[in-house]
Amino acid sequence: MSTLTVKAYGAESKTADLAEINIERREVTAKDVEIEILYCGVCHSDLHTARNDWGGSMYPVVPGHEIVGRITNVGSEVSKFKIGDLAAVGCMVDSCGHCDSCKHDLEQYCQNGFTGTYNGKDKHLGGHTFGGYSQKVVVDEHFVLSVPENLDLAAVAPLLCAGITTWSPLRHWNVGPNSKVAVVGLGGLGHMAIKLAKGLGAEVTLFSRTPGKTEDAKKLGADHVVISTDDAQMKEVAAKFDLIIDTVPYEHDINPYMQTVALNGTLVLVGFVGEFENESPSTRPMIFQRRSVAGSLIGGIAETQEMLDFCGKHNIVSDIELIKIQDINNAYERMLKSDVKYRFVIDMQSL
């Protein structure tokens, strides 16, 4: 298969800083779309993969799965896109296409494993996939998304991960104008959960450990802020919430939050991936109030397009800090300190 060489930013090992490298992209096949990348969001997953925090990283790692750009070439059988269109790519670039999950537009749960935008198995060139910290990307049209023209393109980028990760549970649990939704954690995921839940008409509450985030949460659309370390405030919201979206990315005690879930309600984990070793959930509040603890992973392609269309209609985008690609290593260090409101986005013209 013929290829083209493009510039990218990647890490050669788990201890190496990201630096400029060259990578190969395939030339477009019949069903492919080639996108010039204009902006790429920066996700915690980027850092974890670059540093092999989860194991299994394949080097060189070129992160980036919040991609927004403009189409520069299309294959002969592409029907949904044309040269010049705005386009986006999220966390997936392929799946098996024939399992029950894929047939029901749930490619993120592909029973044969979806292909990640980076660090996935490259079915075309062999080796592994490279992400959006690069000049161009070539993707099967099924995994390419349309971007509403009215939105700030840079601020759209985090919708491709942070947005869909919180949109999917909101839709799955049928959040609407009569819903009471709470969000745990005010970061990249949490701020999008507030915006999207409010956009759907829900009454939205932020759980925060300290009062310092109250003003920001209200600006983002939260109706209430509950200080989770204040026993009196927690008792006031006992059995109140139909859905709690927990965006905290590390092990923590969910038991206090379970007491605030309503009868038949659900607490859904979207941030923490791993074992609860020290803070095991108690089954008591689940059994006696038929409460559930669930997990959710990004969203399928159809659902992601639905989310982008909704954001276009309601003018919802992420709050971002735009950076140059040359500042990515510093951005990673700041991200570890939660020193960003609320998502870094790379201006890929800097590459």
Protein backbone atom coordinates (compact mmCIF):
# COMPACT_ATOMS: atom_id res chain seq x y z
CA MET A 1 0.00 0.00 0.00
CA SER A 2 1.36 3.44 -0.90
CA THR A 3 1.93 5.93 1.90
CA LEU A 4 2.64 9.58 2.54
CA THR A 5 5.04 10.98 5.14
CA VAL A 6 3.70 13.58 7.56
CA LYS A 7 5.13 15.44 10.54
CA ALA A 8 3.92 14.49 13.99
CA TYR A 9 4.75 14.84 17.68
CA GLY A 10 5.41 11.64 19.56
CA ALA A 11 7.27 9.89 22.36
CA GLU A 12 9.94 7.32 21.56
CA SER A 13 9.79 5.73 25.03
CA LYS A 14 7.87 6.01 28.29
CA THR A 15 10.52 8.34 29.74
CA ALA A 16 11.01 10.51 26.66
CA ASP A 17 9.48 13.92 26.10
CA LEU A 18 7.28 14.28 23.05
CA ALA A 19 9.21 15.66 20.08
CA GLU A 20 8.81 16.12 16.34
CA ILE A 21 8.99 12.90 14.30
CA ASN A 22 7.89 11.68 10.88
CA ILE A 23 5.19 9.03 10.49
CA GLU A 24 3.55 7.26 7.57
CA ARG A 25 -0.12 7.60 6.69
CA ARG A 26 -1.77 5.43 4.02
CA GLU A 27 -2.90 7.00 0.78
CA VAL A 28 -6.70 7.12 0.65
CA THR A 29 -8.41 3.89 -0.32
CA ALA A 30 -11.91 3.77 -1.84
CA LYS A 31 -13.74 4.43 1.46
CA ASP A 32 -11.16 6.70 3.11
CA VAL A 33 -11.19 10.37 4.02
CA GLU A 34 -8.00 12.39 4.38
CA ILE A 35 -8.16 15.23 6.90
CA GLU A 36 -5.77 18.11 7.44
CA ILE A 37 -5.75 18.44 11.23
CA LEU A 38 -6.43 21.96 12.46
CA TYR A 39 -6.92 21.30 16.17
CA CYS A 40 -6.38 18.38 18.52
CA GLY A 41 -7.53 18.19 22.11
CA VAL A 42 -5.31 16.89 24.90
CA CYS A 43 -6.78 14.07 27.00
CA HIS A 44 -5.45 12.38 30.17
CA SER A 45 -5.37 9.20 28.08
CA ASP A 46 -2.75 10.83 25.86
CA LEU A 47 -0.42 11.28 28.80
CA HIS A 48 -1.10 7.83 30.27
CA THR A 49 -0.36 6.17 26.93
CA ALA A 50 2.76 8.22 26.21
CA ARG A 51 4.13 7.27 29.62
CA ASN A 52 2.87 3.67 29.52
CA ASP A 53 0.94 4.14 32.77
CA TRP A 54 -1.56 1.47 31.75
CA GLY A 55 0.95 -0.86 30.11
CA GLY A 56 0.84 -1.98 26.49
CA SER A 57 2.00 1.26 24.88
CA MET A 58 3.64 0.79 21.47
CA TYR A 59 6.36 3.24 20.54
CA PRO A 60 6.67 5.67 19.04
CA VAL A 61 3.41 6.89 20.58
CA VAL A 62 1.66 9.72 18.72
CA PRO A 63 -1.33 10.63 20.93
CA GLY A 64 -4.47 12.57 20.13
CA HIS A 65 -8.07 11.41 19.71
CA GLU A 66 -9.93 14.71 19.75
CA ILE A 67 -9.34 15.72 16.14
CA VAL A 68 -10.95 18.54 14.14
CA GLY A 69 -9.88 19.46 10.62
CA ARG A 70 -10.80 19.96 7.00
CA ILE A 71 -11.07 17.24 4.35
CA THR A 72 -8.34 17.37 1.70
CA ASN A 73 -9.01 14.12 -0.18
CA VAL A 74 -11.69 11.41 -0.42
CA GLY A 75 -11.78 7.91 -1.84
CA SER A 76 -13.79 6.95 -4.91
CA GLU A 77 -16.59 5.29 -2.89
CA VAL A 78 -16.96 7.97 -0.22
CA SER A 79 -20.52 9.29 -0.20
CA LYS A 80 -20.95 11.31 2.99
CA PHE A 81 -18.10 13.81 2.64
CA LYS A 82 -16.40 15.98 0.04
CA ILE A 83 -13.16 17.93 -0.16
CA GLY A 84 -13.39 21.12 1.89
CA ASP A 85 -15.85 19.81 4.48
CA LEU A 86 -15.16 20.27 8.18
CA ALA A 87 -14.68 16.89 9.83
CA ALA A 88 -13.78 15.31 13.15
CA VAL A 89 -12.37 12.04 14.44
CA GLY A 90 -12.75 10.75 17.98
CA CYS A 91 -11.34 7.82 19.90
CA MET A 92 -11.98 5.12 17.27
CA VAL A 93 -10.94 4.66 13.65
CA ASP A 94 -12.23 1.13 13.05
CA SER A 95 -14.16 -1.83 14.47
CA CYS A 96 -15.20 -5.25 13.22
CA GLY A 97 -18.50 -3.93 11.83
CA HIS A 98 -20.39 -7.23 12.15
CA CYS A 99 -20.76 -8.09 15.85
CA ASP A 100 -24.00 -7.29 17.70
CA SER A 101 -22.50 -4.15 19.23
CA CYS A 102 -21.35 -2.76 15.89
CA LYS A 103 -24.68 -3.61 14.25
CA HIS A 104 -26.41 -1.54 16.94
CA ASP A 105 -24.15 1.52 16.51
CA LEU A 106 -22.20 0.70 19.66
CA GLU A 107 -18.76 0.40 18.09
CA GLN A 108 -17.13 1.40 21.39
CA TYR A 109 -18.25 -1.98 22.74
CA CYS A 110 -17.15 -3.95 19.67
CA GLN A 111 -16.97 -7.57 20.79
CA ASN A 112 -13.83 -8.05 18.73
CA GLY A 113 -12.25 -4.83 19.97
CA PHE A 114 -12.40 -1.42 18.31
CA THR A 115 -9.27 0.12 16.79
CA GLY A 116 -8.13 3.10 18.81
CA THR A 117 -7.17 6.29 17.00
CA TYR A 118 -3.72 5.78 18.49
CA ASN A 119 -1.97 2.74 19.96
CA GLY A 120 -4.41 0.43 18.16
CA LYS A 121 -3.63 -2.28 15.63
CA ASP A 122 -3.29 -0.73 12.17
CA LYS A 123 -5.19 -3.07 9.85
CA HIS A 124 -3.86 -1.36 6.73
CA LEU A 125 -0.15 -0.74 7.27
CA GLY A 126 0.57 -3.15 10.08
CA GLY A 127 2.11 -1.92 13.30
CA HIS A 128 0.01 0.50 15.34
CA THR A 129 -2.11 3.57 14.75
CA PHE A 130 -0.95 7.16 15.22
CA GLY A 131 -3.16 9.90 16.61
CA GLY A 132 -3.94 13.53 16.02
CA TYR A 133 -0.71 15.20 17.12
CA SER A 134 0.13 15.24 13.41
CA GLN A 135 -0.48 17.11 10.18
CA LYS A 136 -2.95 14.69 8.62
CA VAL A 137 -4.98 11.58 9.35
CA VAL A 138 -6.62 9.08 6.99
CA VAL A 139 -9.76 7.37 8.30
CA ASP A 140 -12.57 5.18 6.97
CA GLU A 141 -15.55 7.47 6.30
CA HIS A 142 -17.74 5.52 8.76
CA PHE A 143 -15.59 6.83 11.61
CA VAL A 144 -15.50 10.43 10.37
CA LEU A 145 -17.93 12.96 11.85
CA SER A 146 -19.47 16.16 10.53
CA VAL A 147 -18.81 19.37 12.48
CA PRO A 148 -21.42 22.14 12.73
CA GLU A 149 -20.10 25.23 10.96
CA ASN A 150 -21.31 27.65 13.65
CA LEU A 151 -19.10 26.32 16.45
CA ASP A 152 -15.61 27.43 17.55
CA LEU A 153 -13.53 24.69 15.92
CA ALA A 154 -10.80 24.66 18.54
CA ALA A 155 -13.36 24.31 21.33
CA VAL A 156 -15.13 21.51 19.44
CA ALA A 157 -12.10 19.20 19.71
CA PRO A 158 -12.68 18.01 23.33
CA LEU A 159 -16.26 17.10 22.46
CA LEU A 160 -14.79 14.09 20.63
CA CYS A 161 -13.80 12.50 23.95
CA ALA A 162 -14.82 14.52 27.01
CA GLY A 163 -18.10 15.46 25.36
CA ILE A 164 -19.20 12.05 24.16
CA THR A 165 -17.99 10.33 27.34
CA THR A 166 -20.53 12.33 29.33
CA TRP A 167 -23.22 12.59 26.62
CA SER A 168 -23.54 8.82 26.24
CA PRO A 169 -24.69 8.12 29.84
CA LEU A 170 -26.95 11.17 29.79
CA ARG A 171 -28.72 9.72 26.76
CA HIS A 172 -28.65 6.10 27.90
CA TRP A 173 -30.35 6.98 31.20
CA ASN A 174 -32.85 9.25 29.41
CA VAL A 175 -31.94 12.55 31.04
CA GLY A 176 -34.39 15.34 30.27
CA PRO A 177 -36.26 18.30 31.76
CA ASN A 178 -37.56 16.35 34.77
CA SER A 179 -34.21 14.79 35.65
CA LYS A 180 -32.02 15.57 38.62
CA VAL A 181 -28.37 15.01 37.68
CA ALA A 182 -25.25 15.35 39.80
CA VAL A 183 -21.65 15.51 38.62
CA VAL A 184 -18.62 14.45 40.66
CA GLY A 185 -15.43 16.21 39.63
CA LEU A 186 -15.01 19.50 37.77
CA GLY A 187 -12.39 18.86 35.11
CA GLY A 188 -12.44 18.16 31.39
CA LEU A 189 -15.20 15.57 31.72
CA GLY A 190 -17.07 17.22 34.57
CA HIS A 191 -17.44 20.62 32.96
CA MET A 192 -18.87 18.98 29.83
CA ALA A 193 -21.26 16.86 31.92
CA ILE A 194 -22.66 20.04 33.46
CA LYS A 195 -23.06 21.81 30.12
CA LEU A 196 -24.68 18.86 28.37
CA ALA A 197 -27.00 17.91 31.23
CA LYS A 198 -28.14 21.53 31.49
CA GLY A 199 -28.61 21.62 27.72
CA LEU A 200 -30.93 18.63 28.03
CA GLY A 201 -33.00 20.53 30.57
CA ALA A 202 -31.95 18.72 33.75
CA GLU A 203 -31.53 20.22 37.20
CA VAL A 204 -27.77 19.95 37.67
CA THR A 205 -25.70 19.77 40.85
CA LEU A 206 -21.93 19.65 41.22
CA PHE A 207 -20.37 17.70 44.07
CA SER A 208 -17.16 19.43 45.16
CA ARG A 209 -14.82 18.75 48.06
CA THR A 210 -14.22 22.47 48.60
CA PRO A 211 -16.25 25.67 48.00
CA GLY A 212 -13.62 27.06 45.62
CA LYS A 213 -15.31 25.69 42.51
CA THR A 214 -18.80 27.02 43.25
CA GLU A 215 -18.56 30.16 41.11
CA ASP A 216 -17.10 28.30 38.13
CA ALA A 217 -19.73 25.57 38.36
CA LYS A 218 -22.54 28.12 38.35
CA LYS A 219 -21.06 29.86 35.29
CA LEU A 220 -20.98 26.52 33.49
CA GLY A 221 -24.68 25.99 34.21
CA ALA A 222 -24.88 24.13 37.52
CA ASP A 223 -27.98 24.97 39.54
CA HIS A 224 -26.46 23.85 42.83
CA VAL A 225 -23.13 22.98 44.41
CA VAL A 226 -22.94 20.52 47.28
CA ILE A 227 -19.77 20.29 49.37
CA SER A 228 -19.26 16.55 49.65
CA THR A 229 -17.15 16.85 52.81
CA ASP A 230 -20.01 18.63 54.62
CA ASP A 231 -22.21 15.98 56.28
CA ALA A 232 -25.15 18.37 56.67
CA GLN A 233 -25.15 19.29 52.98
CA MET A 234 -24.90 15.64 51.98
CA LYS A 235 -27.89 14.73 54.16
CA GLU A 236 -29.93 17.48 52.51
CA VAL A 237 -29.55 15.75 49.12
CA ALA A 238 -30.11 12.18 50.35
CA ALA A 239 -31.94 10.05 47.74
CA LYS A 240 -32.27 13.03 45.39
CA PHE A 241 -30.46 12.26 42.12
CA ASP A 242 -31.71 10.15 39.25
CA LEU A 243 -28.21 9.99 37.76
CA ILE A 244 -24.78 10.79 39.11
CA ILE A 245 -21.93 11.07 36.59
CA ASP A 246 -18.68 10.38 38.43
CA THR A 247 -15.76 11.78 36.43
CA VAL A 248 -12.99 11.36 39.05
CA PRO A 249 -10.05 9.60 37.33
CA TYR A 250 -8.56 7.87 40.38
CA GLU A 251 -9.72 5.46 43.09
CA HIS A 252 -12.04 7.16 45.56
CA ASP A 253 -14.88 6.38 47.95
CA ILE A 254 -18.22 6.38 46.13
CA ASN A 255 -20.24 5.29 49.18
CA PRO A 256 -21.15 8.84 50.32
CA TYR A 257 -22.47 9.61 46.83
CA MET A 258 -24.53 6.40 46.74
CA GLN A 259 -26.62 7.71 49.62
CA THR A 260 -27.71 10.62 47.40
CA VAL A 261 -28.95 8.41 44.54
CA ALA A 262 -32.74 8.22 44.26
CA LEU A 263 -34.78 5.03 44.20
CA ASN A 264 -33.99 3.22 40.92
CA GLY A 265 -31.22 5.74 40.26
CA THR A 266 -27.73 5.12 38.96
CA LEU A 267 -24.21 6.27 39.69
CA VAL A 268 -22.17 5.85 36.51
CA LEU A 269 -18.38 5.83 36.51
CA VAL A 270 -16.75 7.42 33.46
CA GLY A 271 -13.40 8.57 34.89
CA PHE A 272 -11.81 5.79 36.94
CA VAL A 273 -10.54 2.70 35.14
CA GLY A 274 -9.29 -0.08 37.39
CA GLU A 275 -9.93 -1.98 40.60
CA PHE A 276 -11.45 -0.59 43.77
CA GLU A 277 -8.87 -1.96 46.17
CA ASN A 278 -9.22 0.29 49.23
CA GLU A 279 -12.66 1.91 48.79
CA SER A 280 -15.00 -0.94 47.88
CA PRO A 281 -18.61 0.09 47.25
CA SER A 282 -21.14 -1.07 49.86
CA THR A 283 -24.07 -3.10 48.54
CA ARG A 284 -26.40 -1.87 51.30
CA PRO A 285 -27.59 1.35 49.60
CA MET A 286 -27.95 -0.57 46.33
CA ILE A 287 -30.09 -3.34 47.75
CA PHE A 288 -32.38 -1.25 49.94
CA GLN A 289 -33.13 1.44 47.34
CA ARG A 290 -32.56 -0.52 44.10
CA ARG A 291 -29.69 1.78 43.23
CA SER A 292 -27.15 0.84 40.60
CA VAL A 293 -23.46 1.42 39.98
CA ALA A 294 -22.57 1.34 36.30
CA GLY A 295 -19.80 2.25 33.90
CA SER A 296 -19.84 3.87 30.47
CA LEU A 297 -17.27 4.21 27.69
CA ILE A 298 -17.27 7.07 25.13
CA GLY A 299 -20.08 6.52 22.54
CA GLY A 300 -20.77 5.02 19.15
CA ILE A 301 -20.37 6.95 15.91
CA ALA A 302 -24.10 7.67 15.49
CA GLU A 303 -24.36 8.85 19.10
CA THR A 304 -21.27 11.04 18.72
CA GLN A 305 -22.78 12.68 15.64
CA GLU A 306 -26.00 13.22 17.58
CA MET A 307 -23.98 14.94 20.31
CA LEU A 308 -22.18 17.19 17.83
CA ASP A 309 -25.48 18.16 16.18
CA PHE A 310 -26.98 18.91 19.61
CA CYS A 311 -23.99 21.07 20.50
CA GLY A 312 -24.33 22.89 17.20
CA LYS A 313 -28.00 23.61 17.89
CA HIS A 314 -27.38 24.79 21.46
CA ASN A 315 -23.94 26.37 20.90
CA ILE A 316 -22.21 24.12 23.42
CA VAL A 317 -18.42 23.73 23.29
CA SER A 318 -15.62 23.07 25.76
CA ASP A 319 -13.80 25.70 27.77
CA ILE A 320 -10.25 25.47 26.46
CA GLU A 321 -6.73 26.84 26.59
CA LEU A 322 -5.14 26.88 23.13
CA ILE A 323 -1.47 25.90 23.00
CA LYS A 324 1.27 25.28 20.44
CA ILE A 325 2.45 21.71 19.87
CA GLN A 326 5.89 22.74 21.16
CA ASP A 327 4.30 23.35 24.60
CA ILE A 328 2.79 19.87 24.93
CA ASN A 329 5.27 18.53 27.49
CA ASN A 330 4.64 21.47 29.78
CA ALA A 331 0.90 21.03 29.24
CA TYR A 332 1.18 17.41 30.43
CA GLU A 333 2.83 18.54 33.66
CA ARG A 334 0.16 21.20 34.19
CA MET A 335 -2.57 18.66 33.46
CA LEU A 336 -1.25 16.43 36.24
CA LYS A 337 -1.74 19.37 38.59
CA SER A 338 -5.24 20.10 37.23
CA ASP A 339 -3.86 23.46 36.10
CA VAL A 340 -6.19 23.99 33.14
CA LYS A 341 -9.77 25.17 32.69
CA TYR A 342 -10.79 22.80 31.40
CA ARG A 343 -9.06 21.27 28.41
CA PHE A 344 -5.88 21.96 26.46
CA VAL A 345 -6.26 22.10 22.69
CA ILE A 346 -3.30 22.14 20.31
CA ASP A 347 -3.27 24.56 17.38
CA MET A 348 -1.83 22.11 14.85
CA GLN A 349 -0.75 24.93 12.54
CA SER A 350 2.15 25.28 14.98
CA LEU A 351 3.51 21.96 13.68
